PDB file of N, CA and C in Angstrom:
ATOM      1  N   MET A   1     102.050  84.801 111.196  1.00  0.00           N
ATOM      2  CA  MET A   1     102.310  85.638 112.351  1.00  0.00           C
ATOM      3  C   MET A   1     102.632  87.038 111.852  1.00  0.00           C
ATOM      4  N   ILE A   2     102.029  88.026 112.449  1.00  0.00           N
ATOM      5  CA  ILE A   2     102.292  89.412 112.107  1.00  0.00           C
ATOM      6  C   ILE A   2     102.808  90.099 113.345  1.00  0.00           C
ATOM      7  N   CYS A   3     103.921  90.793 113.198  1.00  0.00           N
ATOM      8  CA  CYS A   3     104.569  91.396 114.349  1.00  0.00           C
ATOM      9  C   CYS A   3     104.729  92.884 114.137  1.00  0.00           C
ATOM     10  N   THR A   4     104.717  93.623 115.217  1.00  0.00           N
ATOM     11  CA  THR A   4     105.020  95.043 115.139  1.00  0.00           C
ATOM     12  C   THR A   4     106.118  95.366 116.125  1.00  0.00           C
ATOM     13  N   ASP A   5     106.749  96.479 115.902  1.00  0.00           N
ATOM     14  CA  ASP A   5     107.877  96.878 116.723  1.00  0.00           C
ATOM     15  C   ASP A   5     107.459  97.420 118.071  1.00  0.00           C
ATOM     16  N   ASP A   6     106.400  98.247 118.116  1.00  0.00           N
ATOM     17  CA  ASP A   6     106.079  98.920 119.370  1.00  0.00           C
ATOM     18  C   ASP A   6     104.629  98.783 119.814  1.00  0.00           C
ATOM     19  N   GLY A   7     103.886  97.896 119.201  1.00  0.00           N
ATOM     20  CA  GLY A   7     102.520  97.674 119.633  1.00  0.00           C
ATOM     21  C   GLY A   7     101.504  98.603 119.030  1.00  0.00           C
ATOM     22  N   ASP A   8     101.912  99.613 118.276  1.00  0.00           N
ATOM     23  CA  ASP A   8     100.976 100.536 117.656  1.00  0.00           C
ATOM     24  C   ASP A   8     100.641 100.006 116.270  1.00  0.00           C
ATOM     25  N   SER A   9      99.389  99.714 116.024  1.00  0.00           N
ATOM     26  CA  SER A   9      99.008  99.087 114.770  1.00  0.00           C
ATOM     27  C   SER A   9      98.704 100.073 113.661  1.00  0.00           C
ATOM     28  N   GLY A  10      98.952 101.335 113.858  1.00  0.00           N
ATOM     29  CA  GLY A  10      98.771 102.250 112.750  1.00  0.00           C
ATOM     30  C   GLY A  10      97.908 103.447 113.058  1.00  0.00           C
ATOM     31  N   SER A  11      98.164 104.125 114.115  1.00  0.00           N
ATOM     32  CA  SER A  11      97.421 105.329 114.419  1.00  0.00           C
ATOM     33  C   SER A  11      97.838 106.432 113.462  1.00  0.00           C
ATOM     34  N   ALA A  12      97.192 107.577 113.542  1.00  0.00           N
ATOM     35  CA  ALA A  12      97.443 108.670 112.611  1.00  0.00           C
ATOM     36  C   ALA A  12      98.906 109.098 112.595  1.00  0.00           C
ATOM     37  N   GLU A  13      99.581 109.047 113.742  1.00  0.00           N
ATOM     38  CA  GLU A  13     100.980 109.482 113.769  1.00  0.00           C
ATOM     39  C   GLU A  13     101.927 108.439 113.179  1.00  0.00           C
ATOM     40  N   ASN A  14     101.436 107.243 112.910  1.00  0.00           N
ATOM     41  CA  ASN A  14     102.253 106.195 112.295  1.00  0.00           C
ATOM     42  C   ASN A  14     101.623 105.802 110.973  1.00  0.00           C
ATOM     43  N   SER A  15     101.825 106.634 109.954  1.00  0.00           N
ATOM     44  CA  SER A  15     101.151 106.398 108.684  1.00  0.00           C
ATOM     45  C   SER A  15     101.966 105.566 107.702  1.00  0.00           C
ATOM     46  N   TRP A  16     103.199 105.250 108.019  1.00  0.00           N
ATOM     47  CA  TRP A  16     104.038 104.420 107.162  1.00  0.00           C
ATOM     48  C   TRP A  16     104.427 103.146 107.901  1.00  0.00           C
ATOM     49  N   PHE A  17     104.603 102.079 107.152  1.00  0.00           N
ATOM     50  CA  PHE A  17     104.954 100.781 107.727  1.00  0.00           C
ATOM     51  C   PHE A  17     106.101 100.148 106.952  1.00  0.00           C
ATOM     52  N   VAL A  18     106.993  99.492 107.691  1.00  0.00           N
ATOM     53  CA  VAL A  18     107.969  98.590 107.104  1.00  0.00           C
ATOM     54  C   VAL A  18     107.371  97.199 107.281  1.00  0.00           C
ATOM     55  N   TYR A  19     107.416  96.404 106.223  1.00  0.00           N
ATOM     56  CA  TYR A  19     106.846  95.071 106.326  1.00  0.00           C
ATOM     57  C   TYR A  19     107.820  94.037 105.781  1.00  0.00           C
ATOM     58  N   ILE A  20     107.665  92.817 106.256  1.00  0.00           N
ATOM     59  CA  ILE A  20     108.428  91.691 105.735  1.00  0.00           C
ATOM     60  C   ILE A  20     107.425  90.630 105.308  1.00  0.00           C
ATOM     61  N   LEU A  21     107.623  90.115 104.104  1.00  0.00           N
ATOM     62  CA  LEU A  21     106.801  89.041 103.570  1.00  0.00           C
ATOM     63  C   LEU A  21     107.616  87.763 103.530  1.00  0.00           C
ATOM     64  N   SER A  22     106.968  86.663 103.810  1.00  0.00           N
ATOM     65  CA  SER A  22     107.571  85.350 103.615  1.00  0.00           C
ATOM     66  C   SER A  22     107.024  84.818 102.296  1.00  0.00           C
ATOM     67  N   CYS A  23     107.928  84.484 101.384  1.00  0.00           N
ATOM     68  CA  CYS A  23     107.530  84.003 100.064  1.00  0.00           C
ATOM     69  C   CYS A  23     107.410  82.483 100.050  1.00  0.00           C
ATOM     70  N   ARG A  24     106.740  81.974  99.023  1.00  0.00           N
ATOM     71  CA  ARG A  24     106.525  80.535  98.885  1.00  0.00           C
ATOM     72  C   ARG A  24     107.830  79.752  98.923  1.00  0.00           C
ATOM     73  N   ASP A  25     108.912  80.334  98.389  1.00  0.00           N
ATOM     74  CA  ASP A  25     110.205  79.640  98.367  1.00  0.00           C
ATOM     75  C   ASP A  25     111.023  79.859  99.639  1.00  0.00           C
ATOM     76  N   GLN A  26     110.359  80.352 100.701  1.00  0.00           N
ATOM     77  CA  GLN A  26     110.964  80.569 102.016  1.00  0.00           C
ATOM     78  C   GLN A  26     111.935  81.748 102.063  1.00  0.00           C
ATOM     79  N   THR A  27     111.983  82.573 101.031  1.00  0.00           N
ATOM     80  CA  THR A  27     112.785  83.787 101.083  1.00  0.00           C
ATOM     81  C   THR A  27     111.950  84.892 101.717  1.00  0.00           C
ATOM     82  N   LEU A  28     112.601  85.978 102.097  1.00  0.00           N
ATOM     83  CA  LEU A  28     111.936  87.110 102.726  1.00  0.00           C
ATOM     84  C   LEU A  28     112.053  88.338 101.835  1.00  0.00           C
ATOM     85  N   TYR A  29     111.003  89.135 101.797  1.00  0.00           N
ATOM     86  CA  TYR A  29     110.979  90.375 101.040  1.00  0.00           C
ATOM     87  C   TYR A  29     110.605  91.492 101.997  1.00  0.00           C
ATOM     88  N   THR A  30     111.334  92.597 101.944  1.00  0.00           N
ATOM     89  CA  THR A  30     111.087  93.744 102.820  1.00  0.00           C
ATOM     90  C   THR A  30     110.690  94.952 101.982  1.00  0.00           C
ATOM     91  N   GLY A  31     109.678  95.686 102.442  1.00  0.00           N
ATOM     92  CA  GLY A  31     109.233  96.885 101.744  1.00  0.00           C
ATOM     93  C   GLY A  31     108.589  97.866 102.698  1.00  0.00           C
ATOM     94  N   ILE A  32     108.104  98.995 102.141  1.00  0.00           N
ATOM     95  CA  ILE A  32     107.380  99.999 102.925  1.00  0.00           C
ATOM     96  C   ILE A  32     106.061 100.303 102.239  1.00  0.00           C
ATOM     97  N   THR A  33     105.087 100.748 103.022  1.00  0.00           N
ATOM     98  CA  THR A  33     103.777 101.093 102.481  1.00  0.00           C
ATOM     99  C   THR A  33     103.014 101.955 103.476  1.00  0.00           C
ATOM    100  N   THR A  34     101.967 102.595 102.992  1.00  0.00           N
ATOM    101  CA  THR A  34     101.035 103.299 103.879  1.00  0.00           C
ATOM    102  C   THR A  34      99.794 102.447 104.133  1.00  0.00           C
ATOM    103  N   ASP A  35      99.610 101.391 103.347  1.00  0.00           N
ATOM    104  CA  ASP A  35      98.413 100.550 103.445  1.00  0.00           C
ATOM    105  C   ASP A  35      98.810  99.074 103.331  1.00  0.00           C
ATOM    106  N   PRO A  36      99.116  98.434 104.459  1.00  0.00           N
ATOM    107  CA  PRO A  36      99.582  97.045 104.419  1.00  0.00           C
ATOM    108  C   PRO A  36      98.602  96.075 103.766  1.00  0.00           C
ATOM    109  N   ARG A  37      97.324  96.246 104.000  1.00  0.00           N
ATOM    110  CA  ARG A  37      96.327  95.337 103.404  1.00  0.00           C
ATOM    111  C   ARG A  37      96.361  95.428 101.876  1.00  0.00           C
ATOM    112  N   ARG A  38      96.316  96.652 101.354  1.00  0.00           N
ATOM    113  CA  ARG A  38      96.359  96.854  99.908  1.00  0.00           C
ATOM    114  C   ARG A  38      97.649  96.295  99.317  1.00  0.00           C
ATOM    115  N   ARG A  39      98.755  96.573  99.982  1.00  0.00           N
ATOM    116  CA  ARG A  39     100.054  96.147  99.455  1.00  0.00           C
ATOM    117  C   ARG A  39     100.172  94.621  99.425  1.00  0.00           C
ATOM    118  N   LEU A  40      99.653  93.955 100.449  1.00  0.00           N
ATOM    119  CA  LEU A  40      99.670  92.494 100.463  1.00  0.00           C
ATOM    120  C   LEU A  40      98.849  91.946  99.297  1.00  0.00           C
ATOM    121  N   LEU A  41      97.680  92.536  99.066  1.00  0.00           N
ATOM    122  CA  LEU A  41      96.865  92.117  97.920  1.00  0.00           C
ATOM    123  C   LEU A  41      97.609  92.330  96.606  1.00  0.00           C
ATOM    124  N   GLU A  42      98.305  93.459  96.478  1.00  0.00           N
ATOM    125  CA  GLU A  42      99.075  93.718  95.261  1.00  0.00           C
ATOM    126  C   GLU A  42     100.164  92.666  95.060  1.00  0.00           C
ATOM    127  N   HIS A  43     100.872  92.339  96.124  1.00  0.00           N
ATOM    128  CA  HIS A  43     101.933  91.336  96.018  1.00  0.00           C
ATOM    129  C   HIS A  43     101.378  89.978  95.598  1.00  0.00           C
ATOM    130  N   ASN A  44     100.189  89.633  96.063  1.00  0.00           N
ATOM    131  CA  ASN A  44      99.628  88.315  95.799  1.00  0.00           C
ATOM    132  C   ASN A  44      98.761  88.226  94.548  1.00  0.00           C
ATOM    133  N   SER A  45      98.203  89.333  94.079  1.00  0.00           N
ATOM    134  CA  SER A  45      97.148  89.225  93.063  1.00  0.00           C
ATOM    135  C   SER A  45      97.272  90.122  91.844  1.00  0.00           C
ATOM    136  N   THR A  46      98.166  91.070  91.850  1.00  0.00           N
ATOM    137  CA  THR A  46      98.184  92.034  90.743  1.00  0.00           C
ATOM    138  C   THR A  46      99.596  92.206  90.199  1.00  0.00           C
ATOM    139  N   PRO A  47      99.697  92.810  89.032  1.00  0.00           N
ATOM    140  CA  PRO A  47     101.028  93.121  88.488  1.00  0.00           C
ATOM    141  C   PRO A  47     101.729  94.251  89.242  1.00  0.00           C
ATOM    142  N   ASP A  48     101.028  94.910  90.180  1.00  0.00           N
ATOM    143  CA  ASP A  48     101.614  96.014  90.938  1.00  0.00           C
ATOM    144  C   ASP A  48     102.523  95.541  92.075  1.00  0.00           C
ATOM    145  N   GLY A  49     102.516  94.240  92.363  1.00  0.00           N
ATOM    146  CA  GLY A  49     103.427  93.709  93.376  1.00  0.00           C
ATOM    147  C   GLY A  49     104.852  93.774  92.856  1.00  0.00           C
ATOM    148  N   ALA A  50     105.801  93.649  93.745  1.00  0.00           N
ATOM    149  CA  ALA A  50     107.210  93.697  93.353  1.00  0.00           C
ATOM    150  C   ALA A  50     107.541  92.551  92.404  1.00  0.00           C
ATOM    151  N   ARG A  51     108.398  92.797  91.457  1.00  0.00           N
ATOM    152  CA  ARG A  51     108.828  91.759  90.520  1.00  0.00           C
ATOM    153  C   ARG A  51     109.358  90.542  91.280  1.00  0.00           C
ATOM    154  N   TYR A  52     110.074  90.797  92.365  1.00  0.00           N
ATOM    155  CA  TYR A  52     110.650  89.708  93.162  1.00  0.00           C
ATOM    156  C   TYR A  52     109.574  88.746  93.668  1.00  0.00           C
ATOM    157  N   THR A  53     108.449  89.284  94.120  1.00  0.00           N
ATOM    158  CA  THR A  53     107.425  88.425  94.726  1.00  0.00           C
ATOM    159  C   THR A  53     106.496  87.785  93.700  1.00  0.00           C
ATOM    160  N   ARG A  54     106.428  88.307  92.481  1.00  0.00           N
ATOM    161  CA  ARG A  54     105.486  87.775  91.490  1.00  0.00           C
ATOM    162  C   ARG A  54     105.685  86.295  91.212  1.00  0.00           C
ATOM    163  N   GLY A  55     106.893  85.838  91.162  1.00  0.00           N
ATOM    164  CA  GLY A  55     107.166  84.430  90.913  1.00  0.00           C
ATOM    165  C   GLY A  55     107.255  83.596  92.178  1.00  0.00           C
ATOM    166  N   ARG A  56     106.985  84.205  93.310  1.00  0.00           N
ATOM    167  CA  ARG A  56     107.124  83.508  94.594  1.00  0.00           C
ATOM    168  C   ARG A  56     105.825  83.521  95.398  1.00  0.00           C
ATOM    169  N   ARG A  57     104.712  83.673  94.703  1.00  0.00           N
ATOM    170  CA  ARG A  57     103.403  83.710  95.352  1.00  0.00           C
ATOM    171  C   ARG A  57     102.974  82.317  95.765  1.00  0.00           C
ATOM    172  N   PRO A  58     102.156  82.230  96.802  1.00  0.00           N
ATOM    173  CA  PRO A  58     101.630  83.325  97.613  1.00  0.00           C
ATOM    174  C   PRO A  58     102.660  83.792  98.632  1.00  0.00           C
ATOM    175  N   VAL A  59     102.531  85.052  99.007  1.00  0.00           N
ATOM    176  CA  VAL A  59     103.376  85.612 100.054  1.00  0.00           C
ATOM    177  C   VAL A  59     102.514  85.842 101.293  1.00  0.00           C
ATOM    178  N   ILE A  60     103.157  85.793 102.452  1.00  0.00           N
ATOM    179  CA  ILE A  60     102.461  85.960 103.730  1.00  0.00           C
ATOM    180  C   ILE A  60     103.128  87.092 104.495  1.00  0.00           C
ATOM    181  N   LEU A  61     102.322  87.988 105.036  1.00  0.00           N
ATOM    182  CA  LEU A  61     102.838  89.069 105.859  1.00  0.00           C
ATOM    183  C   LEU A  61     103.257  88.500 107.206  1.00  0.00           C
ATOM    184  N   VAL A  62     104.543  88.660 107.553  1.00  0.00           N
ATOM    185  CA  VAL A  62     105.045  88.100 108.810  1.00  0.00           C
ATOM    186  C   VAL A  62     105.565  89.153 109.774  1.00  0.00           C
ATOM    187  N   TYR A  63     105.720  90.386 109.313  1.00  0.00           N
ATOM    188  CA  TYR A  63     106.262  91.432 110.185  1.00  0.00           C
ATOM    189  C   TYR A  63     105.752  92.777 109.711  1.00  0.00           C
ATOM    190  N   LEU A  64     105.351  93.608 110.656  1.00  0.00           N
ATOM    191  CA  LEU A  64     104.844  94.941 110.356  1.00  0.00           C
ATOM    192  C   LEU A  64     105.305  95.884 111.447  1.00  0.00           C
ATOM    193  N   GLU A  65     105.931  96.984 111.040  1.00  0.00           N
ATOM    194  CA  GLU A  65     106.512  97.933 111.986  1.00  0.00           C
ATOM    195  C   GLU A  65     106.080  99.343 111.603  1.00  0.00           C
ATOM    196  N   PRO A  66     105.332 100.039 112.450  1.00  0.00           N
ATOM    197  CA  PRO A  66     104.858 101.391 112.126  1.00  0.00           C
ATOM    198  C   PRO A  66     105.952 102.445 112.267  1.00  0.00           C
ATOM    199  N   HIS A  67     105.850 103.483 111.425  1.00  0.00           N
ATOM    200  CA  HIS A  67     106.786 104.614 111.479  1.00  0.00           C
ATOM    201  C   HIS A  67     106.028 105.906 111.212  1.00  0.00           C
ATOM    202  N   PRO A  68     106.487 107.009 111.770  1.00  0.00           N
ATOM    203  CA  PRO A  68     105.758 108.275 111.652  1.00  0.00           C
ATOM    204  C   PRO A  68     105.917 108.979 110.308  1.00  0.00           C
ATOM    205  N   SER A  69     106.898 108.577 109.504  1.00  0.00           N
ATOM    206  CA  SER A  69     107.120 109.259 108.227  1.00  0.00           C
ATOM    207  C   SER A  69     107.711 108.300 107.209  1.00  0.00           C
ATOM    208  N   ARG A  70     107.632 108.703 105.948  1.00  0.00           N
ATOM    209  CA  ARG A  70     108.220 107.900 104.879  1.00  0.00           C
ATOM    210  C   ARG A  70     109.728 107.790 105.062  1.00  0.00           C
ATOM    211  N   SER A  71     110.364 108.868 105.441  1.00  0.00           N
ATOM    212  CA  SER A  71     111.822 108.831 105.586  1.00  0.00           C
ATOM    213  C   SER A  71     112.239 107.883 106.709  1.00  0.00           C
ATOM    214  N   ALA A  72     111.504 107.880 107.812  1.00  0.00           N
ATOM    215  CA  ALA A  72     111.820 106.964 108.918  1.00  0.00           C
ATOM    216  C   ALA A  72     111.628 105.517 108.469  1.00  0.00           C
ATOM    217  N   ALA A  73     110.538 105.249 107.754  1.00  0.00           N
ATOM    218  CA  ALA A  73     110.287 103.892 107.259  1.00  0.00           C
ATOM    219  C   ALA A  73     111.365 103.472 106.262  1.00  0.00           C
ATOM    220  N   SER A  74     111.767 104.374 105.397  1.00  0.00           N
ATOM    221  CA  SER A  74     112.809 104.055 104.405  1.00  0.00           C
ATOM    222  C   SER A  74     114.146 103.755 105.068  1.00  0.00           C
ATOM    223  N   ARG A  75     114.489 104.523 106.093  1.00  0.00           N
ATOM    224  CA  ARG A  75     115.737 104.268 106.815  1.00  0.00           C
ATOM    225  C   ARG A  75     115.715 102.886 107.469  1.00  0.00           C
ATOM    226  N   ARG A  76     114.593 102.542 108.109  1.00  0.00           N
ATOM    227  CA  ARG A  76     114.476 101.239 108.757  1.00  0.00           C
ATOM    228  C   ARG A  76     114.472 100.110 107.730  1.00  0.00           C
ATOM    229  N   GLU A  77     113.786 100.313 106.601  1.00  0.00           N
ATOM    230  CA  GLU A  77     113.783  99.320 105.524  1.00  0.00           C
ATOM    231  C   GLU A  77     115.216  99.035 105.074  1.00  0.00           C
ATOM    232  N   HIS A  78     115.999 100.075 104.918  1.00  0.00           N
ATOM    233  CA  HIS A  78     117.396  99.911 104.496  1.00  0.00           C
ATOM    234  C   HIS A  78     118.172  99.061 105.500  1.00  0.00           C
ATOM    235  N   VAL A  79     117.976  99.324 106.784  1.00  0.00           N
ATOM    236  CA  VAL A  79     118.655  98.550 107.834  1.00  0.00           C
ATOM    237  C   VAL A  79     118.234  97.081 107.767  1.00  0.00           C
ATOM    238  N   ILE A  80     116.942  96.839 107.653  1.00  0.00           N
ATOM    239  CA  ILE A  80     116.454  95.457 107.618  1.00  0.00           C
ATOM    240  C   ILE A  80     116.940  94.736 106.371  1.00  0.00           C
ATOM    241  N   LYS A  81     116.917  95.396 105.235  1.00  0.00           N
ATOM    242  CA  LYS A  81     117.371  94.758 103.996  1.00  0.00           C
ATOM    243  C   LYS A  81     118.835  94.333 104.068  1.00  0.00           C
ATOM    244  N   ARG A  82     119.614  95.020 104.852  1.00  0.00           N
ATOM    245  CA  ARG A  82     121.036  94.669 104.995  1.00  0.00           C
ATOM    246  C   ARG A  82     121.258  93.518 105.965  1.00  0.00           C
ATOM    247  N   MET A  83     120.236  93.136 106.731  1.00  0.00           N
ATOM    248  CA  MET A  83     120.362  92.029 107.687  1.00  0.00           C
ATOM    249  C   MET A  83     120.431  90.691 106.945  1.00  0.00           C
ATOM    250  N   SER A  84     121.076  89.731 107.577  1.00  0.00           N
ATOM    251  CA  SER A  84     121.071  88.368 107.042  1.00  0.00           C
ATOM    252  C   SER A  84     119.674  87.780 107.216  1.00  0.00           C
ATOM    253  N   ALA A  85     119.387  86.717 106.476  1.00  0.00           N
ATOM    254  CA  ALA A  85     118.092  86.043 106.613  1.00  0.00           C
ATOM    255  C   ALA A  85     117.908  85.537 108.042  1.00  0.00           C
ATOM    256  N   ALA A  86     118.965  85.028 108.636  1.00  0.00           N
ATOM    257  CA  ALA A  86     118.876  84.525 110.006  1.00  0.00           C
ATOM    258  C   ALA A  86     118.515  85.653 110.970  1.00  0.00           C
ATOM    259  N   ARG A  87     119.101  86.797 110.776  1.00  0.00           N
ATOM    260  CA  ARG A  87     118.814  87.933 111.662  1.00  0.00           C
ATOM    261  C   ARG A  87     117.379  88.442 111.461  1.00  0.00           C
ATOM    262  N   LYS A  88     116.915  88.461 110.192  1.00  0.00           N
ATOM    263  CA  LYS A  88     115.524  88.850 109.927  1.00  0.00           C
ATOM    264  C   LYS A  88     114.567  87.862 110.592  1.00  0.00           C
ATOM    265  N   ASN A  89     114.857  86.572 110.479  1.00  0.00           N
ATOM    266  CA  ASN A  89     114.002  85.565 111.115  1.00  0.00           C
ATOM    267  C   ASN A  89     113.984  85.736 112.624  1.00  0.00           C
ATOM    268  N   HIS A  90     115.115  86.102 113.199  1.00  0.00           N
ATOM    269  CA  HIS A  90     115.177  86.352 114.635  1.00  0.00           C
ATOM    270  C   HIS A  90     114.324  87.578 114.992  1.00  0.00           C
ATOM    271  N   LEU A  91     114.407  88.629 114.193  1.00  0.00           N
ATOM    272  CA  LEU A  91     113.595  89.828 114.401  1.00  0.00           C
ATOM    273  C   LEU A  91     112.109  89.461 114.373  1.00  0.00           C
ATOM    274  N   ILE A  92     111.703  88.686 113.391  1.00  0.00           N
ATOM    275  CA  ILE A  92     110.314  88.260 113.261  1.00  0.00           C
ATOM    276  C   ILE A  92     109.892  87.437 114.477  1.00  0.00           C
ATOM    277  N   ALA A  93     110.736  86.496 114.879  1.00  0.00           N
ATOM    278  CA  ALA A  93     110.395  85.564 115.959  1.00  0.00           C
ATOM    279  C   ALA A  93     110.351  86.211 117.338  1.00  0.00           C
ATOM    280  N   THR A  94     111.105  87.285 117.553  1.00  0.00           N
ATOM    281  CA  THR A  94     111.199  87.863 118.890  1.00  0.00           C
ATOM    282  C   THR A  94     110.207  88.991 119.152  1.00  0.00           C
ATOM    283  N   ARG A  95     109.415  89.348 118.165  1.00  0.00           N
ATOM    284  CA  ARG A  95     108.416  90.410 118.357  1.00  0.00           C
ATOM    285  C   ARG A  95     107.074  89.804 118.714  1.00  0.00           C
ATOM    286  N   ALA A  96     106.334  90.463 119.574  1.00  0.00           N
ATOM    287  CA  ALA A  96     105.023  89.974 120.000  1.00  0.00           C
ATOM    288  C   ALA A  96     104.009  90.125 118.869  1.00  0.00           C
ATOM    289  N   VAL A  97     103.166  89.150 118.713  1.00  0.00           N
ATOM    290  CA  VAL A  97     102.098  89.228 117.717  1.00  0.00           C
ATOM    291  C   VAL A  97     101.079  90.251 118.174  1.00  0.00           C
ATOM    292  N   GLN A  98     100.641  91.104 117.279  1.00  0.00           N
ATOM    293  CA  GLN A  98      99.664  92.130 117.593  1.00  0.00           C
ATOM    294  C   GLN A  98      98.326  91.774 116.968  1.00  0.00           C
ATOM    295  N   GLN A  99      97.315  91.518 117.763  1.00  0.00           N
ATOM    296  CA  GLN A  99      95.994  91.111 117.277  1.00  0.00           C
ATOM    297  C   GLN A  99      95.376  92.174 116.377  1.00  0.00           C
ATOM    298  N   GLU A 100      95.627  93.453 116.652  1.00  0.00           N
ATOM    299  CA  GLU A 100      94.992  94.514 115.875  1.00  0.00           C
ATOM    300  C   GLU A 100      95.351  94.454 114.400  1.00  0.00           C
ATOM    301  N   VAL A 101      96.529  93.964 114.059  1.00  0.00           N
ATOM    302  CA  VAL A 101      96.938  93.917 112.665  1.00  0.00           C
ATOM    303  C   VAL A 101      96.841  92.515 112.092  1.00  0.00           C
ATOM    304  N   ALA A 102      96.389  91.561 112.858  1.00  0.00           N
ATOM    305  CA  ALA A 102      96.286  90.182 112.376  1.00  0.00           C
ATOM    306  C   ALA A 102      95.315  90.063 111.214  1.00  0.00           C
ATOM    307  N   ASP A 103      94.331  90.926 111.125  1.00  0.00           N
ATOM    308  CA  ASP A 103      93.366  90.876 110.037  1.00  0.00           C
ATOM    309  C   ASP A 103      93.951  91.304 108.702  1.00  0.00           C
ATOM    310  N   ILE A 104      95.117  91.906 108.708  1.00  0.00           N
ATOM    311  CA  ILE A 104      95.743  92.335 107.459  1.00  0.00           C
ATOM    312  C   ILE A 104      96.112  91.133 106.602  1.00  0.00           C
ATOM    313  N   SER A 105      96.581  90.076 107.242  1.00  0.00           N
ATOM    314  CA  SER A 105      96.960  88.881 106.518  1.00  0.00           C
ATOM    315  C   SER A 105      95.705  88.144 106.087  1.00  0.00           C
ATOM    316  N   LEU A 106      95.400  88.251 104.825  1.00  0.00           N
ATOM    317  CA  LEU A 106      94.172  87.675 104.288  1.00  0.00           C
ATOM    318  C   LEU A 106      94.415  86.251 104.022  1.00  0.00           C
TER     319      LEU A 106
END
């Protein structure tokens, strides 16, 4: 399931994304990117993925939230990273799935 915050799947004014990955060991990883498809591939297939996710592959994109700038995405990432796992799961579960970004999850 891939979720977004406001239904915008990445227009020009929303060039940054906060994302949450579900890892094989059921933990969650939060990050930011300008290219969710590329970043998911990096997490799953290359040494460019985060050290945290390398030993927890495969990872699945479960949440995607667009932001207009890197600073806005970084601020939101910080807020999400401070949430408990239960609260992150609630955030993921309560957002509507957006078909436009469903193709990102390979």
